[in-house]
Amino acid sequence: AVMEGRTVLDLAEGLQLRRVRVMGACRIELSGFNDTMRDRLRAYGLFGEIISWKLRMFVPTDASGVGILTEVLDTYPVARVGEREAA
């Protein structure tokens, strides 16, 4: 549901997972992280890109993404499932 863009997941500690479109490709972005979380998230397998002078973190959308997403959700459980607003 997240990859289809219909759902936004609010996670523990203020994190949020949502689908975004970057450079013409759909990605799953993790937002709301702080500097102390960054290294842990990279260790899980998320990758970061500097876009408009801001670090953004993404979950890979290939086969490895499922395991990475599982690690993230084990550490930061889902607090709320929300519907994505229509654009």
PDB file of N, CA and C in Angstrom:
ATOM      1  N   ALA A   1       0.829  -1.197   0.000  1.00  0.00           N
ATOM      2  CA  ALA A   1       0.000   0.000   0.000  1.00  0.00           C
ATOM      3  C   ALA A   1       0.875   1.264   0.000  1.00  0.00           C
ATOM      4  N   VAL A   2       2.022   1.203   0.710  1.00  0.00           N
ATOM      5  CA  VAL A   2       2.919   2.364   0.728  1.00  0.00           C
ATOM      6  C   VAL A   2       3.496   2.582  -0.670  1.00  0.00           C
ATOM      7  N   MET A   3       3.953   1.513  -1.314  1.00  0.00           N
ATOM      8  CA  MET A   3       4.560   1.638  -2.639  1.00  0.00           C
ATOM      9  C   MET A   3       3.540   2.090  -3.683  1.00  0.00           C
ATOM     10  N   GLU A   4       2.281   1.744  -3.481  1.00  0.00           N
ATOM     11  CA  GLU A   4       1.230   2.200  -4.388  1.00  0.00           C
ATOM     12  C   GLU A   4       0.874   3.663  -4.149  1.00  0.00           C
ATOM     13  N   GLY A   5       1.348   4.232  -3.039  1.00  0.00           N
ATOM     14  CA  GLY A   5       1.119   5.644  -2.764  1.00  0.00           C
ATOM     15  C   GLY A   5      -0.191   5.944  -2.078  1.00  0.00           C
ATOM     16  N   ARG A   6      -0.895   4.918  -1.613  1.00  0.00           N
ATOM     17  CA  ARG A   6      -2.183   5.138  -0.965  1.00  0.00           C
ATOM     18  C   ARG A   6      -2.075   5.346   0.537  1.00  0.00           C
ATOM     19  N   THR A   7      -0.948   4.929   1.131  1.00  0.00           N
ATOM     20  CA  THR A   7      -0.820   4.890   2.583  1.00  0.00           C
ATOM     21  C   THR A   7       0.460   5.582   3.035  1.00  0.00           C
ATOM     22  N   VAL A   8       0.374   6.222   4.188  1.00  0.00           N
ATOM     23  CA  VAL A   8       1.534   6.808   4.860  1.00  0.00           C
ATOM     24  C   VAL A   8       1.614   6.142   6.228  1.00  0.00           C
ATOM     25  N   LEU A   9       2.810   5.661   6.598  1.00  0.00           N
ATOM     26  CA  LEU A   9       2.996   5.026   7.900  1.00  0.00           C
ATOM     27  C   LEU A   9       3.722   5.980   8.840  1.00  0.00           C
ATOM     28  N   ASP A  10       3.084   6.292   9.957  1.00  0.00           N
ATOM     29  CA  ASP A  10       3.741   7.045  11.021  1.00  0.00           C
ATOM     30  C   ASP A  10       4.353   6.026  11.967  1.00  0.00           C
ATOM     31  N   LEU A  11       5.658   6.143  12.193  1.00  0.00           N
ATOM     32  CA  LEU A  11       6.374   5.198  13.036  1.00  0.00           C
ATOM     33  C   LEU A  11       6.726   5.835  14.371  1.00  0.00           C
ATOM     34  N   ALA A  12       7.245   5.033  15.271  1.00  0.00           N
ATOM     35  CA  ALA A  12       7.686   5.525  16.574  1.00  0.00           C
ATOM     36  C   ALA A  12       8.789   6.569  16.384  1.00  0.00           C
ATOM     37  N   GLU A  13       8.956   7.410  17.365  1.00  0.00           N
ATOM     38  CA  GLU A  13       9.988   8.452  17.414  1.00  0.00           C
ATOM     39  C   GLU A  13       9.874   9.482  16.285  1.00  0.00           C
ATOM     40  N   GLY A  14       8.657   9.679  15.765  1.00  0.00           N
ATOM     41  CA  GLY A  14       8.415  10.728  14.780  1.00  0.00           C
ATOM     42  C   GLY A  14       8.817  10.416  13.355  1.00  0.00           C
ATOM     43  N   LEU A  15       9.129   9.162  13.056  1.00  0.00           N
ATOM     44  CA  LEU A  15       9.489   8.796  11.684  1.00  0.00           C
ATOM     45  C   LEU A  15       8.247   8.582  10.841  1.00  0.00           C
ATOM     46  N   GLN A  16       8.416   8.717   9.532  1.00  0.00           N
ATOM     47  CA  GLN A  16       7.295   8.526   8.616  1.00  0.00           C
ATOM     48  C   GLN A  16       7.797   7.885   7.326  1.00  0.00           C
ATOM     49  N   LEU A  17       7.060   6.870   6.859  1.00  0.00           N
ATOM     50  CA  LEU A  17       7.348   6.218   5.583  1.00  0.00           C
ATOM     51  C   LEU A  17       6.268   6.603   4.588  1.00  0.00           C
ATOM     52  N   ARG A  18       6.694   7.029   3.399  1.00  0.00           N
ATOM     53  CA  ARG A  18       5.734   7.379   2.349  1.00  0.00           C
ATOM     54  C   ARG A  18       6.391   7.213   0.997  1.00  0.00           C
ATOM     55  N   ARG A  19       5.574   7.039  -0.032  1.00  0.00           N
ATOM     56  CA  ARG A  19       6.097   6.972  -1.385  1.00  0.00           C
ATOM     57  C   ARG A  19       6.276   8.387  -1.902  1.00  0.00           C
ATOM     58  N   VAL A  20       7.399   8.603  -2.555  1.00  0.00           N
ATOM     59  CA  VAL A  20       7.680   9.890  -3.182  1.00  0.00           C
ATOM     60  C   VAL A  20       8.185   9.631  -4.595  1.00  0.00           C
ATOM     61  N   ARG A  21       8.132  10.651  -5.413  1.00  0.00           N
ATOM     62  CA  ARG A  21       8.662  10.564  -6.764  1.00  0.00           C
ATOM     63  C   ARG A  21       9.909  11.439  -6.825  1.00  0.00           C
ATOM     64  N   VAL A  22      11.054  10.814  -7.098  1.00  0.00           N
ATOM     65  CA  VAL A  22      12.334  11.511  -7.164  1.00  0.00           C
ATOM     66  C   VAL A  22      13.000  11.137  -8.476  1.00  0.00           C
ATOM     67  N   MET A  23      13.355  12.146  -9.264  1.00  0.00           N
ATOM     68  CA  MET A  23      14.029  11.939 -10.543  1.00  0.00           C
ATOM     69  C   MET A  23      13.242  10.969 -11.438  1.00  0.00           C
ATOM     70  N   GLY A  24      11.929  11.063 -11.404  1.00  0.00           N
ATOM     71  CA  GLY A  24      11.067  10.249 -12.247  1.00  0.00           C
ATOM     72  C   GLY A  24      10.833   8.838 -11.754  1.00  0.00           C
ATOM     73  N   ALA A  25      11.385   8.463 -10.607  1.00  0.00           N
ATOM     74  CA  ALA A  25      11.207   7.109 -10.075  1.00  0.00           C
ATOM     75  C   ALA A  25      10.470   7.173  -8.737  1.00  0.00           C
ATOM     76  N   CYS A  26       9.626   6.173  -8.497  1.00  0.00           N
ATOM     77  CA  CYS A  26       8.930   6.079  -7.212  1.00  0.00           C
ATOM     78  C   CYS A  26       9.860   5.427  -6.200  1.00  0.00           C
ATOM     79  N   ARG A  27       9.935   6.034  -5.029  1.00  0.00           N
ATOM     80  CA  ARG A  27      10.776   5.535  -3.950  1.00  0.00           C
ATOM     81  C   ARG A  27      10.004   5.570  -2.649  1.00  0.00           C
ATOM     82  N   ILE A  28      10.489   4.810  -1.674  1.00  0.00           N
ATOM     83  CA  ILE A  28       9.923   4.855  -0.330  1.00  0.00           C
ATOM     84  C   ILE A  28      10.886   5.672   0.525  1.00  0.00           C
ATOM     85  N   GLU A  29      10.407   6.810   0.999  1.00  0.00           N
ATOM     86  CA  GLU A  29      11.249   7.721   1.784  1.00  0.00           C
ATOM     87  C   GLU A  29      10.932   7.598   3.264  1.00  0.00           C
ATOM     88  N   LEU A  30      11.984   7.599   4.071  1.00  0.00           N
ATOM     89  CA  LEU A  30      11.851   7.653   5.518  1.00  0.00           C
ATOM     90  C   LEU A  30      12.214   9.072   5.940  1.00  0.00           C
ATOM     91  N   SER A  31      11.274   9.765   6.541  1.00  0.00           N
ATOM     92  CA  SER A  31      11.535  11.142   6.978  1.00  0.00           C
ATOM     93  C   SER A  31      11.369  11.239   8.488  1.00  0.00           C
ATOM     94  N   GLY A  32      11.876  12.331   9.048  1.00  0.00           N
ATOM     95  CA  GLY A  32      11.746  12.581  10.474  1.00  0.00           C
ATOM     96  C   GLY A  32      12.903  12.057  11.309  1.00  0.00           C
ATOM     97  N   PHE A  33      13.930  11.517  10.653  1.00  0.00           N
ATOM     98  CA  PHE A  33      15.083  10.992  11.389  1.00  0.00           C
ATOM     99  C   PHE A  33      15.975  12.145  11.842  1.00  0.00           C
ATOM    100  N   ASN A  34      16.786  11.855  12.859  1.00  0.00           N
ATOM    101  CA  ASN A  34      17.746  12.851  13.321  1.00  0.00           C
ATOM    102  C   ASN A  34      19.163  12.322  13.103  1.00  0.00           C
ATOM    103  N   ASP A  35      20.148  13.119  13.437  1.00  0.00           N
ATOM    104  CA  ASP A  35      21.540  12.743  13.180  1.00  0.00           C
ATOM    105  C   ASP A  35      21.955  11.476  13.922  1.00  0.00           C
ATOM    106  N   THR A  36      21.431  11.251  15.113  1.00  0.00           N
ATOM    107  CA  THR A  36      21.814  10.058  15.861  1.00  0.00           C
ATOM    108  C   THR A  36      21.226   8.790  15.262  1.00  0.00           C
ATOM    109  N   MET A  37      20.129   8.879  14.540  1.00  0.00           N
ATOM    110  CA  MET A  37      19.504   7.719  13.890  1.00  0.00           C
ATOM    111  C   MET A  37      20.167   7.383  12.554  1.00  0.00           C
ATOM    112  N   ARG A  38      20.815   8.344  11.950  1.00  0.00           N
ATOM    113  CA  ARG A  38      21.321   8.199  10.584  1.00  0.00           C
ATOM    114  C   ARG A  38      22.229   6.989  10.401  1.00  0.00           C
ATOM    115  N   ASP A  39      23.205   6.800  11.280  1.00  0.00           N
ATOM    116  CA  ASP A  39      24.134   5.680  11.139  1.00  0.00           C
ATOM    117  C   ASP A  39      23.426   4.336  11.295  1.00  0.00           C
ATOM    118  N   ARG A  40      22.488   4.258  12.235  1.00  0.00           N
ATOM    119  CA  ARG A  40      21.741   3.015  12.419  1.00  0.00           C
ATOM    120  C   ARG A  40      20.922   2.703  11.167  1.00  0.00           C
ATOM    121  N   LEU A  41      20.278   3.703  10.604  1.00  0.00           N
ATOM    122  CA  LEU A  41      19.463   3.485   9.409  1.00  0.00           C
ATOM    123  C   LEU A  41      20.332   3.042   8.234  1.00  0.00           C
ATOM    124  N   ARG A  42      21.507   3.614   8.093  1.00  0.00           N
ATOM    125  CA  ARG A  42      22.429   3.181   7.034  1.00  0.00           C
ATOM    126  C   ARG A  42      22.873   1.745   7.260  1.00  0.00           C
ATOM    127  N   ALA A  43      23.100   1.364   8.521  1.00  0.00           N
ATOM    128  CA  ALA A  43      23.495  -0.005   8.840  1.00  0.00           C
ATOM    129  C   ALA A  43      22.390  -0.994   8.476  1.00  0.00           C
ATOM    130  N   TYR A  44      21.146  -0.574   8.594  1.00  0.00           N
ATOM    131  CA  TYR A  44      20.028  -1.430   8.187  1.00  0.00           C
ATOM    132  C   TYR A  44      19.989  -1.621   6.672  1.00  0.00           C
ATOM    133  N   GLY A  45      20.522  -0.638   5.929  1.00  0.00           N
ATOM    134  CA  GLY A  45      20.535  -0.748   4.474  1.00  0.00           C
ATOM    135  C   GLY A  45      19.855   0.394   3.746  1.00  0.00           C
ATOM    136  N   LEU A  46      19.322   1.368   4.482  1.00  0.00           N
ATOM    137  CA  LEU A  46      18.764   2.533   3.803  1.00  0.00           C
ATOM    138  C   LEU A  46      19.898   3.314   3.157  1.00  0.00           C
ATOM    139  N   PHE A  47      19.586   4.019   2.101  1.00  0.00           N
ATOM    140  CA  PHE A  47      20.602   4.846   1.462  1.00  0.00           C
ATOM    141  C   PHE A  47      20.139   6.291   1.479  1.00  0.00           C
ATOM    142  N   GLY A  48      21.113   7.186   1.507  1.00  0.00           N
ATOM    143  CA  GLY A  48      20.808   8.602   1.572  1.00  0.00           C
ATOM    144  C   GLY A  48      21.260   9.326   0.330  1.00  0.00           C
ATOM    145  N   GLU A  49      20.557  10.377   0.004  1.00  0.00           N
ATOM    146  CA  GLU A  49      20.932  11.270  -1.088  1.00  0.00           C
ATOM    147  C   GLU A  49      20.737  12.700  -0.629  1.00  0.00           C
ATOM    148  N   ILE A  50      21.631  13.562  -1.045  1.00  0.00           N
ATOM    149  CA  ILE A  50      21.483  14.984  -0.782  1.00  0.00           C
ATOM    150  C   ILE A  50      20.671  15.565  -1.932  1.00  0.00           C
ATOM    151  N   ILE A  51      19.488  16.068  -1.614  1.00  0.00           N
ATOM    152  CA  ILE A  51      18.600  16.660  -2.614  1.00  0.00           C
ATOM    153  C   ILE A  51      18.230  18.043  -2.099  1.00  0.00           C
ATOM    154  N   SER A  52      18.535  19.054  -2.888  1.00  0.00           N
ATOM    155  CA  SER A  52      18.305  20.447  -2.488  1.00  0.00           C
ATOM    156  C   SER A  52      18.954  20.746  -1.138  1.00  0.00           C
ATOM    157  N   TRP A  53      20.194  20.327  -0.984  1.00  0.00           N
ATOM    158  CA  TRP A  53      21.005  20.569   0.197  1.00  0.00           C
ATOM    159  C   TRP A  53      20.459  19.929   1.468  1.00  0.00           C
ATOM    160  N   LYS A  54      19.634  18.888   1.325  1.00  0.00           N
ATOM    161  CA  LYS A  54      19.077  18.204   2.483  1.00  0.00           C
ATOM    162  C   LYS A  54      19.252  16.702   2.307  1.00  0.00           C
ATOM    163  N   LEU A  55      19.687  16.011   3.378  1.00  0.00           N
ATOM    164  CA  LEU A  55      19.822  14.561   3.333  1.00  0.00           C
ATOM    165  C   LEU A  55      18.450  13.923   3.417  1.00  0.00           C
ATOM    166  N   ARG A  56      18.179  13.058   2.451  1.00  0.00           N
ATOM    167  CA  ARG A  56      16.936  12.287   2.447  1.00  0.00           C
ATOM    168  C   ARG A  56      17.307  10.814   2.442  1.00  0.00           C
ATOM    169  N   MET A  57      16.552   9.986   3.191  1.00  0.00           N
ATOM    170  CA  MET A  57      16.840   8.554   3.321  1.00  0.00           C
ATOM    171  C   MET A  57      15.737   7.752   2.637  1.00  0.00           C
ATOM    172  N   PHE A  58      16.171   6.704   1.926  1.00  0.00           N
ATOM    173  CA  PHE A  58      15.240   5.886   1.154  1.00  0.00           C
ATOM    174  C   PHE A  58      15.450   4.402   1.435  1.00  0.00           C
ATOM    175  N   VAL A  59      14.350   3.646   1.369  1.00  0.00           N
ATOM    176  CA  VAL A  59      14.398   2.190   1.455  1.00  0.00           C
ATOM    177  C   VAL A  59      14.547   1.671   0.031  1.00  0.00           C
ATOM    178  N   PRO A  60      15.506   0.763  -0.223  1.00  0.00           N
ATOM    179  CA  PRO A  60      15.621   0.215  -1.579  1.00  0.00           C
ATOM    180  C   PRO A  60      14.314  -0.462  -2.005  1.00  0.00           C
ATOM    181  N   THR A  61      13.974  -0.348  -3.269  1.00  0.00           N
ATOM    182  CA  THR A  61      12.737  -0.953  -3.765  1.00  0.00           C
ATOM    183  C   THR A  61      12.996  -2.285  -4.457  1.00  0.00           C
ATOM    184  N   ASP A  62      14.235  -2.782  -4.379  1.00  0.00           N
ATOM    185  CA  ASP A  62      14.521  -4.097  -4.948  1.00  0.00           C
ATOM    186  C   ASP A  62      14.220  -5.180  -3.904  1.00  0.00           C
ATOM    187  N   ALA A  63      14.672  -6.408  -4.151  1.00  0.00           N
ATOM    188  CA  ALA A  63      14.374  -7.531  -3.259  1.00  0.00           C
ATOM    189  C   ALA A  63      14.920  -7.326  -1.844  1.00  0.00           C
ATOM    190  N   SER A  64      16.012  -6.594  -1.689  1.00  0.00           N
ATOM    191  CA  SER A  64      16.589  -6.373  -0.354  1.00  0.00           C
ATOM    192  C   SER A  64      15.720  -5.456   0.504  1.00  0.00           C
ATOM    193  N   GLY A  65      14.839  -4.707  -0.117  1.00  0.00           N
ATOM    194  CA  GLY A  65      14.017  -3.740   0.605  1.00  0.00           C
ATOM    195  C   GLY A  65      13.116  -4.352   1.654  1.00  0.00           C
ATOM    196  N   VAL A  66      12.641  -5.573   1.420  1.00  0.00           N
ATOM    197  CA  VAL A  66      11.735  -6.223   2.374  1.00  0.00           C
ATOM    198  C   VAL A  66      12.443  -6.464   3.701  1.00  0.00           C
ATOM    199  N   GLY A  67      13.659  -7.003   3.658  1.00  0.00           N
ATOM    200  CA  GLY A  67      14.411  -7.243   4.882  1.00  0.00           C
ATOM    201  C   GLY A  67      14.776  -5.953   5.597  1.00  0.00           C
ATOM    202  N   ILE A  68      15.129  -4.950   4.823  1.00  0.00           N
ATOM    203  CA  ILE A  68      15.491  -3.646   5.394  1.00  0.00           C
ATOM    204  C   ILE A  68      14.276  -3.014   6.069  1.00  0.00           C
ATOM    205  N   LEU A  69      13.140  -3.080   5.404  1.00  0.00           N
ATOM    206  CA  LEU A  69      11.910  -2.530   5.963  1.00  0.00           C
ATOM    207  C   LEU A  69      11.518  -3.267   7.244  1.00  0.00           C
ATOM    208  N   THR A  70      11.731  -4.576   7.279  1.00  0.00           N
ATOM    209  CA  THR A  70      11.446  -5.363   8.479  1.00  0.00           C
ATOM    210  C   THR A  70      12.298  -4.887   9.649  1.00  0.00           C
ATOM    211  N   GLU A  71      13.588  -4.642   9.408  1.00  0.00           N
ATOM    212  CA  GLU A  71      14.477  -4.140  10.467  1.00  0.00           C
ATOM    213  C   GLU A  71      14.009  -2.788  10.985  1.00  0.00           C
ATOM    214  N   VAL A  72      13.643  -1.905  10.071  1.00  0.00           N
ATOM    215  CA  VAL A  72      13.179  -0.571  10.461  1.00  0.00           C
ATOM    216  C   VAL A  72      11.919  -0.683  11.312  1.00  0.00           C
ATOM    217  N   LEU A  73      10.962  -1.510  10.870  1.00  0.00           N
ATOM    218  CA  LEU A  73       9.694  -1.635  11.590  1.00  0.00           C
ATOM    219  C   LEU A  73       9.859  -2.359  12.926  1.00  0.00           C
ATOM    220  N   ASP A  74      10.863  -3.239  13.043  1.00  0.00           N
ATOM    221  CA  ASP A  74      11.131  -3.882  14.330  1.00  0.00           C
ATOM    222  C   ASP A  74      11.659  -2.864  15.342  1.00  0.00           C
ATOM    223  N   THR A  75      12.486  -1.942  14.872  1.00  0.00           N
ATOM    224  CA  THR A  75      13.074  -0.933  15.753  1.00  0.00           C
ATOM    225  C   THR A  75      12.115   0.226  16.018  1.00  0.00           C
ATOM    226  N   TYR A  76      11.413   0.645  14.978  1.00  0.00           N
ATOM    227  CA  TYR A  76      10.480   1.781  15.069  1.00  0.00           C
ATOM    228  C   TYR A  76       9.095   1.294  14.637  1.00  0.00           C
ATOM    229  N   PRO A  77       8.316   0.714  15.559  1.00  0.00           N
ATOM    230  CA  PRO A  77       7.018   0.137  15.182  1.00  0.00           C
ATOM    231  C   PRO A  77       6.030   1.177  14.650  1.00  0.00           C
ATOM    232  N   VAL A  78       5.067   0.694  13.906  1.00  0.00           N
ATOM    233  CA  VAL A  78       4.032   1.553  13.323  1.00  0.00           C
ATOM    234  C   VAL A  78       3.166   2.114  14.438  1.00  0.00           C
ATOM    235  N   ALA A  79       3.026   3.428  14.466  1.00  0.00           N
ATOM    236  CA  ALA A  79       2.180   4.104  15.450  1.00  0.00           C
ATOM    237  C   ALA A  79       0.805   4.395  14.847  1.00  0.00           C
ATOM    238  N   ARG A  80       0.789   4.659  13.531  1.00  0.00           N
ATOM    239  CA  ARG A  80      -0.482   5.015  12.892  1.00  0.00           C
ATOM    240  C   ARG A  80      -0.358   4.767  11.389  1.00  0.00           C
ATOM    241  N   VAL A  81      -1.452   4.268  10.819  1.00  0.00           N
ATOM    242  CA  VAL A  81      -1.535   4.103   9.367  1.00  0.00           C
ATOM    243  C   VAL A  81      -2.506   5.149   8.863  1.00  0.00           C
ATOM    244  N   GLY A  82      -2.035   5.984   7.952  1.00  0.00           N
ATOM    245  CA  GLY A  82      -2.881   7.064   7.439  1.00  0.00           C
ATOM    246  C   GLY A  82      -3.086   6.949   5.945  1.00  0.00           C
ATOM    247  N   GLU A  83      -4.163   7.513   5.496  1.00  0.00           N
ATOM    248  CA  GLU A  83      -4.431   7.594   4.064  1.00  0.00           C
ATOM    249  C   GLU A  83      -3.674   8.775   3.489  1.00  0.00           C
ATOM    250  N   ARG A  84      -3.185   8.605   2.310  1.00  0.00           N
ATOM    251  CA  ARG A  84      -2.464   9.697   1.628  1.00  0.00           C
ATOM    252  C   ARG A  84      -3.482  10.691   1.083  1.00  0.00           C
ATOM    253  N   GLU A  85      -3.227  11.981   1.287  1.00  0.00           N
ATOM    254  CA  GLU A  85      -4.134  13.006   0.786  1.00  0.00           C
ATOM    255  C   GLU A  85      -4.046  13.031  -0.738  1.00  0.00           C
ATOM    256  N   ALA A  86      -5.142  13.293  -1.379  1.00  0.00           N
ATOM    257  CA  ALA A  86      -5.149  13.413  -2.835  1.00  0.00           C
ATOM    258  C   ALA A  86      -4.427  14.706  -3.235  1.00  0.00           C
ATOM    259  N   ALA A  87      -3.606  14.592  -4.244  1.00  0.00           N
ATOM    260  CA  ALA A  87      -2.840  15.768  -4.691  1.00  0.00           C
ATOM    261  C   ALA A  87      -3.622  16.593  -5.671  1.00  0.00           C
TER     262      ALA A  87
END
